[in-house]
Every structure is written in C-alpha cells, then in structure tokens.
C-alpha cells in the first residue's frame, strides 16, 4: 500500500478542515479569553479526559451510548469554573440562530444547542479578577460566536490561551493541520496552560521538535549529547504553589465521516500528542481534555483508516502545543 503524501494545510490550523469556523474574544484587563469552534452544521463529537483535575461541560452526552451524537459548538475558555459560563453565551447565540437539538421541531419550542466545553485555570495570572457578581465569560462566549470566521485563526495570546502559562513560560493558543493527497484533512486547536514543560530542560528546544513542519515553531534542535532526566524537570519544582492551576484543552477536527465511537477512539489517540509535547502530563493538577469533531459525510472509516487518522491527530496536537508557546513568546 502506498501512503498518501501529507503536508500542513494552507492555513496550518483547524480551519483547513472544511465546514468549520473559529471565533475568539478576550478581555485584556482581566487577562482571559474564550475560543469557540463552530461547525457549519452539527458534527459528530466525542471527547476524552486524561487529567486529574478537569473542568468540563456536556461530556457525559459524548458517550456513544447516549442519545445525542452531534455538537453545535465546542467552547474552550479561561476562568476556571467561571469560564464554563462561556458555553451559556455560545448556546444563547446558537439558539438565536435557530440552531440546536430537537427530537421533534415544534412551533414556539426552541431547540437545545449542544455545546460541550472545557476550561483552564488562569485566575492567578495577574489580571484584574474583580468582576463581583458578573464574570465576563457568558459575554465572551457570545461575542466569540458572533465574530467567528473561516480562518486564519489567531494564535499565541488569543482566545482561551490569552492568559495561559506553560510550565515556567508563557502559554497560549496553538494550531496545526495536515491535508493529504487523498483529501483527508486533520486539524488541531489547543489552549496550553500546562503544569509540565513544553521545552527540554536547560534548553529552548520544544519536546515536539521531531514533529515540526517547515520551521513552524523555530526549527530548534537539541544538542546530540542531551539526555532526559528521570525526575521532574527543574522548572516544575514549584508544584505546590501551582496546585490546581493547570490544563491543556483542545479540539481535533477530521474531514472524514466517523461514528461517535470512532471519534472517541481518535480522541484517545490524540491525547498521545500531549505526551509528545509536554513533560510531565496528565497529572493530578492537570485537566487535560480533548474533543473530536468529524465533519465528513462519507461512509464510516475502516480500522486502518481510523488508525491513520488517530496518528495524524496526535501529531497535530503535539505541533499545536509547541506553536502555542512559540507564538505567545514572539508576541512578548
């Protein structure tokens, strides 16, 4: 079998997968933001949570045994538990457009938008969190939907990654894509607020360097004599001060048609991208969560194709994580 040639898409972000828009909104004074991924029509959706401290919404309905198989939007937000309200804003916008789930459409009965969401902790990043009884996240979620476009996606200090940290360095929002000669497109959009480091200790080289395409995060390479240490890297020794303050969250989109069970398997495989790009990862203070959206209308994938999709998804996730930090650092 000949493997199709696969390269980053023209925008090298999740909107290289047809049928998707991305909206973002930030509050610079508060140092936080929201990212919304909007499929043009409800898309098969599944998710996987590997972190020990997650903050999510609607993940129970993503189980293949439940009634609903498709989502109207995915929301990624800063703000810890306050940020889950961003999905309320997205649901309000979707409802105003007549979008949402209904077993039977009835006059005067609004549909119910399906909006899974995940949050990261950015409450201790120095922004002004004096919002009293009116946190900004519902508004940010609504504004992100209202301004959504078909790309390119703003990266670095943008959307859900606006106030993020990654180990001892600045975090952010990153993206990557692959488009194959046979038409398969895979893209990832990741907000990086990890406890672990995205860089090899004692260097400026990203753990994800073997997966880099076209110098997208600086073309840095390790010294041949470098060896990993069998313990926590030095820049994570401040663990006690940052407990419950971490998470890497994101969305992978696929142009193929998948069942919800297939999408769940891709989400599990895509989590390997976190392990390729962050060390350590999936710890008790991380809320690592990934969603998968399948936008295609063709027949469901066979096991070999599904394996290929999962492989490309994990590589896109690893690249997106490194790009998040690289772009955030370039922005200062």
C-alpha atoms as a PDB file:
ATOM      1  CA  UNK A   1       0.000   0.000   0.000  1.00  0.00           C
ATOM      2  CA  UNK A   2       1.273   3.469  -0.873  1.00  0.00           C
ATOM      3  CA  UNK A   3       0.830   6.099   1.840  1.00  0.00           C
ATOM      4  CA  UNK A   4      -0.563   9.410   0.509  1.00  0.00           C
ATOM      5  CA  UNK A   5       1.695  12.439   0.794  1.00  0.00           C
ATOM      6  CA  UNK A   6       0.590  14.565   3.750  1.00  0.00           C
ATOM      7  CA  UNK A   7       1.518  18.211   4.378  1.00  0.00           C
ATOM      8  CA  UNK A   8       0.251  21.082   6.538  1.00  0.00           C
ATOM      9  CA  UNK A   9      -2.802  22.778   5.078  1.00  0.00           C
ATOM     10  CA  UNK A  10      -2.733  26.289   3.569  1.00  0.00           C
ATOM     11  CA  UNK A  11      -3.537  27.967   6.910  1.00  0.00           C
ATOM     12  CA  UNK A  12      -1.911  25.303   9.113  1.00  0.00           C
ATOM     13  CA  UNK A  13      -4.818  25.483  11.543  1.00  0.00           C
ATOM     14  CA  UNK A  14      -8.085  23.738  12.294  1.00  0.00           C
ATOM     15  CA  UNK A  15      -9.994  25.687   9.615  1.00  0.00           C
ATOM     16  CA  UNK A  16      -8.145  23.673   6.957  1.00  0.00           C
ATOM     17  CA  UNK A  17     -10.815  21.088   7.780  1.00  0.00           C
ATOM     18  CA  UNK A  18     -13.848  22.102   5.683  1.00  0.00           C
ATOM     19  CA  UNK A  19     -17.015  23.221   7.400  1.00  0.00           C
ATOM     20  CA  UNK A  20     -15.545  24.923  10.462  1.00  0.00           C
ATOM     21  CA  UNK A  21     -15.369  28.463  11.798  1.00  0.00           C
ATOM     22  CA  UNK A  22     -13.475  29.715  14.851  1.00  0.00           C
ATOM     23  CA  UNK A  23     -14.419  32.688  16.987  1.00  0.00           C
ATOM     24  CA  UNK A  24     -12.359  34.309  19.732  1.00  0.00           C
ATOM     25  CA  UNK A  25     -12.908  37.001  22.329  1.00  0.00           C
ATOM     26  CA  UNK A  26     -10.606  38.346  25.028  1.00  0.00           C
ATOM     27  CA  UNK A  27     -10.707  40.736  27.958  1.00  0.00           C
ATOM     28  CA  UNK A  28      -7.205  42.192  28.244  1.00  0.00           C
ATOM     29  CA  UNK A  29      -7.852  43.860  31.606  1.00  0.00           C
ATOM     30  CA  UNK A  30      -8.882  40.570  33.146  1.00  0.00           C
ATOM     31  CA  UNK A  31      -6.238  38.663  31.113  1.00  0.00           C
ATOM     32  CA  UNK A  32      -8.536  35.908  29.927  1.00  0.00           C
ATOM     33  CA  UNK A  33     -10.433  34.794  26.860  1.00  0.00           C
ATOM     34  CA  UNK A  34     -12.660  32.329  25.048  1.00  0.00           C
ATOM     35  CA  UNK A  35     -12.340  30.305  21.842  1.00  0.00           C
ATOM     36  CA  UNK A  36     -15.367  28.762  20.113  1.00  0.00           C
ATOM     37  CA  UNK A  37     -15.205  26.159  17.348  1.00  0.00           C
ATOM     38  CA  UNK A  38     -18.367  26.291  15.213  1.00  0.00           C
ATOM     39  CA  UNK A  39     -19.160  23.605  12.646  1.00  0.00           C
ATOM     40  CA  UNK A  40     -21.387  24.838   9.828  1.00  0.00           C
ATOM     41  CA  UNK A  41     -23.816  22.071  10.752  1.00  0.00           C
ATOM     42  CA  UNK A  42     -23.964  19.764  13.794  1.00  0.00           C
ATOM     43  CA  UNK A  43     -20.934  17.458  13.730  1.00  0.00           C
ATOM     44  CA  UNK A  44     -20.259  14.072  15.247  1.00  0.00           C
ATOM     45  CA  UNK A  45     -18.480  14.765  18.525  1.00  0.00           C
ATOM     46  CA  UNK A  46     -16.659  12.782  21.198  1.00  0.00           C
ATOM     47  CA  UNK A  47     -14.142  13.585  23.883  1.00  0.00           C
ATOM     48  CA  UNK A  48     -11.504  12.211  26.197  1.00  0.00           C
ATOM     49  CA  UNK A  49     -10.302  13.495  29.575  1.00  0.00           C
ATOM     50  CA  UNK A  50      -6.909  12.366  30.904  1.00  0.00           C
ATOM     51  CA  UNK A  51      -6.073  14.998  33.510  1.00  0.00           C
ATOM     52  CA  UNK A  52      -6.749  14.572  37.213  1.00  0.00           C
ATOM     53  CA  UNK A  53      -8.354  17.998  37.666  1.00  0.00           C
ATOM     54  CA  UNK A  54     -10.715  18.605  34.724  1.00  0.00           C
ATOM     55  CA  UNK A  55     -13.367  21.274  34.309  1.00  0.00           C
ATOM     56  CA  UNK A  56     -15.856  20.359  31.603  1.00  0.00           C
ATOM     57  CA  UNK A  57     -19.462  20.623  30.455  1.00  0.00           C
ATOM     58  CA  UNK A  58     -21.650  18.157  28.498  1.00  0.00           C
ATOM     59  CA  UNK A  59     -19.016  15.402  28.428  1.00  0.00           C
ATOM     60  CA  UNK A  60     -21.500  12.752  29.620  1.00  0.00           C
ATOM     61  CA  UNK A  61     -23.579  13.106  26.449  1.00  0.00           C
ATOM     62  CA  UNK A  62     -20.479  12.433  24.320  1.00  0.00           C
ATOM     63  CA  UNK A  63     -20.545   8.785  25.362  1.00  0.00           C
ATOM     64  CA  UNK A  64     -21.582   6.630  22.355  1.00  0.00           C
ATOM     65  CA  UNK A  65     -24.338   5.017  24.451  1.00  0.00           C
ATOM     66  CA  UNK A  66     -26.253   8.294  24.868  1.00  0.00           C
ATOM     67  CA  UNK A  67     -28.915   9.910  22.671  1.00  0.00           C
ATOM     68  CA  UNK A  68     -27.028  12.877  21.224  1.00  0.00           C
ATOM     69  CA  UNK A  69     -24.154  12.220  18.814  1.00  0.00           C
ATOM     70  CA  UNK A  70     -23.513  15.687  17.358  1.00  0.00           C
ATOM     71  CA  UNK A  71     -22.445  19.052  18.757  1.00  0.00           C
ATOM     72  CA  UNK A  72     -23.351  22.550  17.584  1.00  0.00           C
ATOM     73  CA  UNK A  73     -20.169  24.116  19.007  1.00  0.00           C
ATOM     74  CA  UNK A  74     -17.205  23.438  21.254  1.00  0.00           C
ATOM     75  CA  UNK A  75     -16.088  26.077  23.759  1.00  0.00           C
ATOM     76  CA  UNK A  76     -12.606  26.451  25.245  1.00  0.00           C
ATOM     77  CA  UNK A  77     -12.284  29.065  27.969  1.00  0.00           C
ATOM     78  CA  UNK A  78     -10.092  30.556  30.622  1.00  0.00           C
ATOM     79  CA  UNK A  79     -11.555  31.395  34.003  1.00  0.00           C
ATOM     80  CA  UNK A  80     -11.598  28.018  35.751  1.00  0.00           C
ATOM     81  CA  UNK A  81     -15.168  27.147  36.823  1.00  0.00           C
ATOM     82  CA  UNK A  82     -16.371  30.664  35.986  1.00  0.00           C
ATOM     83  CA  UNK A  83     -15.338  30.023  32.381  1.00  0.00           C
ATOM     84  CA  UNK A  84     -17.921  27.278  31.924  1.00  0.00           C
ATOM     85  CA  UNK A  85     -20.455  30.112  31.565  1.00  0.00           C
ATOM     86  CA  UNK A  86     -18.894  30.859  28.172  1.00  0.00           C
ATOM     87  CA  UNK A  87     -20.858  27.883  26.871  1.00  0.00           C
ATOM     88  CA  UNK A  88     -24.055  29.613  28.044  1.00  0.00           C
ATOM     89  CA  UNK A  89     -23.169  32.559  25.817  1.00  0.00           C
ATOM     90  CA  UNK A  90     -22.469  30.250  22.895  1.00  0.00           C
ATOM     91  CA  UNK A  91     -25.760  28.420  23.478  1.00  0.00           C
ATOM     92  CA  UNK A  92     -27.619  31.739  23.566  1.00  0.00           C
ATOM     93  CA  UNK A  93     -26.100  32.784  20.244  1.00  0.00           C
ATOM     94  CA  UNK A  94     -26.808  29.412  18.633  1.00  0.00           C
ATOM     95  CA  UNK A  95     -30.388  29.474  19.905  1.00  0.00           C
ATOM     96  CA  UNK A  96     -30.879  32.948  18.437  1.00  0.00           C
ATOM     97  CA  UNK A  97     -29.905  31.439  15.080  1.00  0.00           C
ATOM     98  CA  UNK A  98     -32.396  28.597  15.474  1.00  0.00           C
ATOM     99  CA  UNK A  99     -29.616  26.056  15.906  1.00  0.00           C
ATOM    100  CA  UNK A 100     -29.747  23.157  18.334  1.00  0.00           C
ATOM    101  CA  UNK A 101     -31.051  19.661  19.014  1.00  0.00           C
ATOM    102  CA  UNK A 102     -34.731  18.755  18.953  1.00  0.00           C
ATOM    103  CA  UNK A 103     -36.324  15.330  18.680  1.00  0.00           C
ATOM    104  CA  UNK A 104     -39.358  17.000  17.099  1.00  0.00           C
ATOM    105  CA  UNK A 105     -39.425  20.575  15.851  1.00  0.00           C
ATOM    106  CA  UNK A 106     -42.460  22.361  17.288  1.00  0.00           C
ATOM    107  CA  UNK A 107     -43.615  25.960  16.827  1.00  0.00           C
ATOM    108  CA  UNK A 108     -42.697  28.113  19.802  1.00  0.00           C
ATOM    109  CA  UNK A 109     -40.367  25.489  21.274  1.00  0.00           C
ATOM    110  CA  UNK A 110     -36.696  26.486  20.953  1.00  0.00           C
ATOM    111  CA  UNK A 111     -34.086  23.851  20.087  1.00  0.00           C
ATOM    112  CA  UNK A 112     -31.419  22.947  22.640  1.00  0.00           C
ATOM    113  CA  UNK A 113     -27.893  23.834  21.444  1.00  0.00           C
ATOM    114  CA  UNK A 114     -25.351  21.129  22.257  1.00  0.00           C
ATOM    115  CA  UNK A 115     -22.198  22.882  23.468  1.00  0.00           C
ATOM    116  CA  UNK A 116     -19.521  20.759  25.175  1.00  0.00           C
ATOM    117  CA  UNK A 117     -16.864  22.873  26.861  1.00  0.00           C
ATOM    118  CA  UNK A 118     -13.607  22.727  28.802  1.00  0.00           C
ATOM    119  CA  UNK A 119     -11.853  25.343  30.906  1.00  0.00           C
ATOM    120  CA  UNK A 120      -8.326  26.135  32.044  1.00  0.00           C
ATOM    121  CA  UNK A 121      -7.158  27.922  35.188  1.00  0.00           C
ATOM    122  CA  UNK A 122      -5.896  31.456  34.606  1.00  0.00           C
ATOM    123  CA  UNK A 123      -7.235  33.125  37.764  1.00  0.00           C
ATOM    124  CA  UNK A 124      -3.774  33.755  39.256  1.00  0.00           C
ATOM    125  CA  UNK A 125      -2.149  35.322  36.183  1.00  0.00           C
ATOM    126  CA  UNK A 126      -2.195  38.914  37.439  1.00  0.00           C
ATOM    127  CA  UNK A 127      -5.276  40.127  35.588  1.00  0.00           C
ATOM    128  CA  UNK A 128      -7.991  42.101  37.359  1.00  0.00           C
ATOM    129  CA  UNK A 129     -10.487  39.481  38.524  1.00  0.00           C
ATOM    130  CA  UNK A 130     -12.681  41.988  40.403  1.00  0.00           C
ATOM    131  CA  UNK A 131     -15.820  41.104  38.447  1.00  0.00           C
ATOM    132  CA  UNK A 132     -18.056  40.766  41.525  1.00  0.00           C
ATOM    133  CA  UNK A 133     -21.313  39.049  40.617  1.00  0.00           C
ATOM    134  CA  UNK A 134     -20.847  39.467  36.859  1.00  0.00           C
ATOM    135  CA  UNK A 135     -17.997  37.314  35.465  1.00  0.00           C
ATOM    136  CA  UNK A 136     -17.337  38.122  31.788  1.00  0.00           C
ATOM    137  CA  UNK A 137     -17.471  34.633  30.329  1.00  0.00           C
ATOM    138  CA  UNK A 138     -21.058  34.454  29.079  1.00  0.00           C
ATOM    139  CA  UNK A 139     -20.474  37.697  27.196  1.00  0.00           C
ATOM    140  CA  UNK A 140     -17.143  36.463  25.835  1.00  0.00           C
ATOM    141  CA  UNK A 141     -18.727  33.218  24.654  1.00  0.00           C
ATOM    142  CA  UNK A 142     -21.483  35.112  22.831  1.00  0.00           C
ATOM    143  CA  UNK A 143     -19.006  37.550  21.263  1.00  0.00           C
ATOM    144  CA  UNK A 144     -16.732  34.722  20.122  1.00  0.00           C
ATOM    145  CA  UNK A 145     -19.628  33.101  18.252  1.00  0.00           C
ATOM    146  CA  UNK A 146     -20.798  36.397  16.782  1.00  0.00           C
ATOM    147  CA  UNK A 147     -17.383  37.148  15.282  1.00  0.00           C
ATOM    148  CA  UNK A 148     -16.446  33.628  14.125  1.00  0.00           C
ATOM    149  CA  UNK A 149     -14.712  33.321  10.748  1.00  0.00           C
ATOM    150  CA  UNK A 150     -13.355  30.615   8.480  1.00  0.00           C
ATOM    151  CA  UNK A 151      -9.746  31.404   9.374  1.00  0.00           C
ATOM    152  CA  UNK A 152      -6.932  32.009   9.690  1.00  0.00           C
ATOM    153  CA  UNK A 153      -7.016  31.513  13.458  1.00  0.00           C
ATOM    154  CA  UNK A 154      -5.202  33.955  15.729  1.00  0.00           C
ATOM    155  CA  UNK A 155      -2.594  32.125  17.805  1.00  0.00           C
ATOM    156  CA  UNK A 156      -0.443  32.775  20.873  1.00  0.00           C
ATOM    157  CA  UNK A 157      -2.029  35.257  23.256  1.00  0.00           C
ATOM    158  CA  UNK A 158      -5.511  34.797  21.846  1.00  0.00           C
ATOM    159  CA  UNK A 159      -8.861  33.399  22.902  1.00  0.00           C
ATOM    160  CA  UNK A 160      -8.729  30.753  25.603  1.00  0.00           C
ATOM    161  CA  UNK A 161      -4.930  30.956  25.621  1.00  0.00           C
ATOM    162  CA  UNK A 162      -4.773  34.705  26.284  1.00  0.00           C
ATOM    163  CA  UNK A 163      -3.777  34.412  29.944  1.00  0.00           C
ATOM    164  CA  UNK A 164      -2.290  30.914  29.926  1.00  0.00           C
ATOM    165  CA  UNK A 165       1.046  29.670  31.249  1.00  0.00           C
ATOM    166  CA  UNK A 166       3.005  26.563  30.227  1.00  0.00           C
ATOM    167  CA  UNK A 167       5.373  25.318  32.893  1.00  0.00           C
ATOM    168  CA  UNK A 168       7.767  28.190  33.581  1.00  0.00           C
ATOM    169  CA  UNK A 169       6.994  30.007  30.341  1.00  0.00           C
ATOM    170  CA  UNK A 170       4.083  31.797  28.674  1.00  0.00           C
ATOM    171  CA  UNK A 171       1.290  29.586  27.388  1.00  0.00           C
ATOM    172  CA  UNK A 172      -1.153  30.305  24.614  1.00  0.00           C
ATOM    173  CA  UNK A 173      -3.319  29.029  21.789  1.00  0.00           C
ATOM    174  CA  UNK A 174      -1.773  26.895  19.050  1.00  0.00           C
ATOM    175  CA  UNK A 175      -2.935  25.155  15.902  1.00  0.00           C
ATOM    176  CA  UNK A 176      -1.688  22.759  13.248  1.00  0.00           C
ATOM    177  CA  UNK A 177      -3.103  20.784  10.348  1.00  0.00           C
ATOM    178  CA  UNK A 178      -2.363  18.046   7.851  1.00  0.00           C
ATOM    179  CA  UNK A 179      -4.002  17.679   4.450  1.00  0.00           C
ATOM    180  CA  UNK A 180      -3.314  14.508   2.461  1.00  0.00           C
ATOM    181  CA  UNK A 181      -3.305  13.951  -1.289  1.00  0.00           C
ATOM    182  CA  UNK A 182      -6.399  11.768  -0.929  1.00  0.00           C
ATOM    183  CA  UNK A 183      -8.319  14.699   0.583  1.00  0.00           C
ATOM    184  CA  UNK A 184      -8.212  13.733   4.256  1.00  0.00           C
ATOM    185  CA  UNK A 185      -7.791  16.844   6.441  1.00  0.00           C
ATOM    186  CA  UNK A 186      -6.954  16.795  10.159  1.00  0.00           C
ATOM    187  CA  UNK A 187      -6.548  19.899  12.301  1.00  0.00           C
ATOM    188  CA  UNK A 188      -5.995  20.725  15.961  1.00  0.00           C
ATOM    189  CA  UNK A 189      -6.601  23.829  18.063  1.00  0.00           C
ATOM    190  CA  UNK A 190      -5.079  23.665  21.549  1.00  0.00           C
ATOM    191  CA  UNK A 191      -5.019  26.027  24.546  1.00  0.00           C
ATOM    192  CA  UNK A 192      -1.850  25.296  26.539  1.00  0.00           C
ATOM    193  CA  UNK A 193      -1.807  26.032  30.266  1.00  0.00           C
ATOM    194  CA  UNK A 194       0.217  23.010  31.334  1.00  0.00           C
ATOM    195  CA  UNK A 195       1.954  22.169  34.596  1.00  0.00           C
ATOM    196  CA  UNK A 196       4.661  20.339  32.669  1.00  0.00           C
ATOM    197  CA  UNK A 197       7.215  21.990  30.450  1.00  0.00           C
ATOM    198  CA  UNK A 198       6.872  22.152  26.671  1.00  0.00           C
ATOM    199  CA  UNK A 199      10.649  22.544  26.394  1.00  0.00           C
ATOM    200  CA  UNK A 200      13.524  20.221  27.160  1.00  0.00           C
ATOM    201  CA  UNK A 201      15.149  21.215  30.479  1.00  0.00           C
ATOM    202  CA  UNK A 202      18.120  23.530  30.155  1.00  0.00           C
ATOM    203  CA  UNK A 203      17.310  24.435  26.569  1.00  0.00           C
ATOM    204  CA  UNK A 204      14.917  26.365  24.336  1.00  0.00           C
ATOM    205  CA  UNK A 205      14.078  23.255  22.307  1.00  0.00           C
ATOM    206  CA  UNK A 206      10.498  22.014  22.236  1.00  0.00           C
ATOM    207  CA  UNK A 207       9.777  18.414  23.180  1.00  0.00           C
ATOM    208  CA  UNK A 208       7.700  18.278  19.979  1.00  0.00           C
ATOM    209  CA  UNK A 209      10.666  19.125  17.726  1.00  0.00           C
ATOM    210  CA  UNK A 210      10.669  15.774  15.822  1.00  0.00           C
ATOM    211  CA  UNK A 211       7.168  16.536  14.513  1.00  0.00           C
ATOM    212  CA  UNK A 212       7.818  20.119  13.365  1.00  0.00           C
ATOM    213  CA  UNK A 213       6.823  21.102   9.821  1.00  0.00           C
ATOM    214  CA  UNK A 214       8.519  23.902   7.872  1.00  0.00           C
ATOM    215  CA  UNK A 215      10.070  25.600  10.904  1.00  0.00           C
ATOM    216  CA  UNK A 216       6.634  26.388  12.347  1.00  0.00           C
ATOM    217  CA  UNK A 217       7.999  26.741  15.877  1.00  0.00           C
ATOM    218  CA  UNK A 218      11.529  27.944  15.292  1.00  0.00           C
ATOM    219  CA  UNK A 219      13.374  24.908  13.886  1.00  0.00           C
ATOM    220  CA  UNK A 220      15.262  24.430  17.160  1.00  0.00           C
ATOM    221  CA  UNK A 221      17.121  21.162  17.605  1.00  0.00           C
ATOM    222  CA  UNK A 222      18.641  19.536  20.698  1.00  0.00           C
ATOM    223  CA  UNK A 223      22.345  19.071  21.284  1.00  0.00           C
ATOM    224  CA  UNK A 224      23.236  15.458  20.373  1.00  0.00           C
ATOM    225  CA  UNK A 225      24.668  14.958  23.860  1.00  0.00           C
ATOM    226  CA  UNK A 226      21.420  15.930  25.628  1.00  0.00           C
ATOM    227  CA  UNK A 227      19.775  13.214  27.745  1.00  0.00           C
ATOM    228  CA  UNK A 228      16.482  13.354  29.686  1.00  0.00           C
ATOM    229  CA  UNK A 229      16.475  13.196  33.476  1.00  0.00           C
ATOM    230  CA  UNK A 230      14.480  10.555  35.333  1.00  0.00           C
ATOM    231  CA  UNK A 231      12.635  13.005  37.568  1.00  0.00           C
ATOM    232  CA  UNK A 232      10.623  16.221  37.480  1.00  0.00           C
ATOM    233  CA  UNK A 233      12.417  18.864  35.418  1.00  0.00           C
ATOM    234  CA  UNK A 234      13.827  21.735  37.499  1.00  0.00           C
ATOM    235  CA  UNK A 235      11.270  24.258  36.214  1.00  0.00           C
ATOM    236  CA  UNK A 236       8.380  22.279  37.736  1.00  0.00           C
ATOM    237  CA  UNK A 237       9.737  22.253  41.290  1.00  0.00           C
ATOM    238  CA  UNK A 238       7.283  24.996  42.277  1.00  0.00           C
ATOM    239  CA  UNK A 239       4.451  22.450  42.073  1.00  0.00           C
ATOM    240  CA  UNK A 240       2.895  23.164  45.463  1.00  0.00           C
ATOM    241  CA  UNK A 241       2.387  26.837  44.623  1.00  0.00           C
ATOM    242  CA  UNK A 242       0.544  25.999  41.397  1.00  0.00           C
ATOM    243  CA  UNK A 243      -1.690  23.141  42.510  1.00  0.00           C
ATOM    244  CA  UNK A 244      -4.994  23.004  40.602  1.00  0.00           C
ATOM    245  CA  UNK A 245      -3.688  25.678  38.238  1.00  0.00           C
ATOM    246  CA  UNK A 246      -3.117  23.725  35.058  1.00  0.00           C
ATOM    247  CA  UNK A 247      -4.760  22.241  31.982  1.00  0.00           C
ATOM    248  CA  UNK A 248      -4.255  21.678  28.271  1.00  0.00           C
ATOM    249  CA  UNK A 249      -7.555  21.633  26.383  1.00  0.00           C
ATOM    250  CA  UNK A 250      -8.380  21.494  22.715  1.00  0.00           C
ATOM    251  CA  UNK A 251     -10.283  20.294  19.690  1.00  0.00           C
ATOM    252  CA  UNK A 252      -9.274  17.995  16.843  1.00  0.00           C
ATOM    253  CA  UNK A 253     -11.311  18.165  13.643  1.00  0.00           C
ATOM    254  CA  UNK A 254     -11.450  15.486  10.943  1.00  0.00           C
ATOM    255  CA  UNK A 255     -12.857  15.805   7.419  1.00  0.00           C
ATOM    256  CA  UNK A 256     -13.833  12.111   7.409  1.00  0.00           C
ATOM    257  CA  UNK A 257     -17.158  10.652   8.463  1.00  0.00           C
ATOM    258  CA  UNK A 258     -16.845   8.864  11.814  1.00  0.00           C
ATOM    259  CA  UNK A 259     -19.220   7.212  14.215  1.00  0.00           C
ATOM    260  CA  UNK A 260     -19.202   8.660  17.716  1.00  0.00           C
ATOM    261  CA  UNK A 261     -17.318   5.562  18.900  1.00  0.00           C
ATOM    262  CA  UNK A 262     -14.723   6.159  16.157  1.00  0.00           C
ATOM    263  CA  UNK A 263     -14.382   9.782  17.260  1.00  0.00           C
ATOM    264  CA  UNK A 264     -13.862   8.648  20.848  1.00  0.00           C
ATOM    265  CA  UNK A 265     -11.008   6.398  19.716  1.00  0.00           C
ATOM    266  CA  UNK A 266      -9.416   9.294  17.827  1.00  0.00           C
ATOM    267  CA  UNK A 267      -9.698  11.480  20.942  1.00  0.00           C
ATOM    268  CA  UNK A 268      -7.900   8.815  22.984  1.00  0.00           C
ATOM    269  CA  UNK A 269      -5.151   8.531  20.373  1.00  0.00           C
ATOM    270  CA  UNK A 270      -4.872  12.309  20.077  1.00  0.00           C
ATOM    271  CA  UNK A 271      -4.029  12.543  23.783  1.00  0.00           C
ATOM    272  CA  UNK A 272      -0.689  10.977  22.834  1.00  0.00           C
ATOM    273  CA  UNK A 273       0.134  14.342  21.265  1.00  0.00           C
ATOM    274  CA  UNK A 274       0.143  15.866  24.744  1.00  0.00           C
ATOM    275  CA  UNK A 275       2.629  13.243  25.894  1.00  0.00           C
ATOM    276  CA  UNK A 276       4.872  14.023  22.899  1.00  0.00           C
ATOM    277  CA  UNK A 277       4.883  17.762  23.614  1.00  0.00           C
ATOM    278  CA  UNK A 278       4.634  18.183  27.421  1.00  0.00           C
ATOM    279  CA  UNK A 279       6.579  16.577  30.276  1.00  0.00           C
ATOM    280  CA  UNK A 280       5.107  15.632  32.721  1.00  0.00           C
ATOM    281  CA  UNK A 281       1.497  15.459  31.576  1.00  0.00           C
ATOM    282  CA  UNK A 282      -1.890  14.073  32.731  1.00  0.00           C
ATOM    283  CA  UNK A 283      -1.006  14.692  36.384  1.00  0.00           C
ATOM    284  CA  UNK A 284      -3.372  15.320  39.304  1.00  0.00           C
ATOM    285  CA  UNK A 285      -3.296  19.106  38.786  1.00  0.00           C
ATOM    286  CA  UNK A 286      -3.886  18.910  35.014  1.00  0.00           C
ATOM    287  CA  UNK A 287      -7.357  18.998  33.498  1.00  0.00           C
ATOM    288  CA  UNK A 288      -6.264  17.709  30.103  1.00  0.00           C
ATOM    289  CA  UNK A 289      -9.274  17.261  27.802  1.00  0.00           C
ATOM    290  CA  UNK A 290      -9.635  16.873  24.041  1.00  0.00           C
ATOM    291  CA  UNK A 291     -12.738  16.921  21.852  1.00  0.00           C
ATOM    292  CA  UNK A 292     -13.022  15.492  18.331  1.00  0.00           C
ATOM    293  CA  UNK A 293     -15.339  16.827  15.626  1.00  0.00           C
ATOM    294  CA  UNK A 294     -15.930  14.782  12.455  1.00  0.00           C
ATOM    295  CA  UNK A 295     -17.349  16.901   9.637  1.00  0.00           C
ATOM    296  CA  UNK A 296     -17.376  14.439   6.726  1.00  0.00           C
ATOM    297  CA  UNK A 297     -20.404  12.821   5.143  1.00  0.00           C
ATOM    298  CA  UNK A 298     -18.808   9.753   3.560  1.00  0.00           C
ATOM    299  CA  UNK A 299     -19.136   6.209   4.857  1.00  0.00           C
ATOM    300  CA  UNK A 300     -17.602   5.478   8.290  1.00  0.00           C
ATOM    301  CA  UNK A 301     -13.894   4.711   8.371  1.00  0.00           C
ATOM    302  CA  UNK A 302     -12.379   1.232   8.394  1.00  0.00           C
ATOM    303  CA  UNK A 303      -9.983   0.321  11.262  1.00  0.00           C
ATOM    304  CA  UNK A 304      -6.813   1.018   9.269  1.00  0.00           C
ATOM    305  CA  UNK A 305      -8.046   4.453   8.181  1.00  0.00           C
ATOM    306  CA  UNK A 306      -9.130   5.202  11.745  1.00  0.00           C
ATOM    307  CA  UNK A 307      -5.642   4.333  12.971  1.00  0.00           C
ATOM    308  CA  UNK A 308      -4.137   6.667  10.393  1.00  0.00           C
ATOM    309  CA  UNK A 309      -6.480   9.464  11.479  1.00  0.00           C
ATOM    310  CA  UNK A 310      -5.531   8.978  15.126  1.00  0.00           C
ATOM    311  CA  UNK A 311      -1.833   9.099  14.264  1.00  0.00           C
ATOM    312  CA  UNK A 312      -2.201  12.351  12.320  1.00  0.00           C
ATOM    313  CA  UNK A 313      -4.375  13.807  15.088  1.00  0.00           C
ATOM    314  CA  UNK A 314      -1.757  13.124  17.764  1.00  0.00           C
ATOM    315  CA  UNK A 315       0.985  14.695  15.635  1.00  0.00           C
ATOM    316  CA  UNK A 316      -1.177  17.778  15.002  1.00  0.00           C
ATOM    317  CA  UNK A 317      -1.811  18.124  18.732  1.00  0.00           C
ATOM    318  CA  UNK A 318       1.919  17.947  19.515  1.00  0.00           C
ATOM    319  CA  UNK A 319       2.729  20.567  16.874  1.00  0.00           C
ATOM    320  CA  UNK A 320      -0.112  22.833  18.011  1.00  0.00           C
ATOM    321  CA  UNK A 321       1.167  22.769  21.603  1.00  0.00           C
ATOM    322  CA  UNK A 322       4.643  23.907  20.575  1.00  0.00           C
ATOM    323  CA  UNK A 323       3.195  26.565  18.256  1.00  0.00           C
ATOM    324  CA  UNK A 324       1.043  27.923  21.098  1.00  0.00           C
ATOM    325  CA  UNK A 325       4.085  28.711  23.225  1.00  0.00           C
ATOM    326  CA  UNK A 326       6.270  29.778  20.311  1.00  0.00           C
ATOM    327  CA  UNK A 327       3.701  32.295  19.067  1.00  0.00           C
ATOM    328  CA  UNK A 328       2.933  33.589  22.584  1.00  0.00           C
ATOM    329  CA  UNK A 329       6.627  34.182  23.276  1.00  0.00           C
ATOM    330  CA  UNK A 330       7.071  36.005  19.967  1.00  0.00           C
ATOM    331  CA  UNK A 331       4.252  38.351  20.956  1.00  0.00           C
ATOM    332  CA  UNK A 332       6.041  39.230  24.216  1.00  0.00           C
END
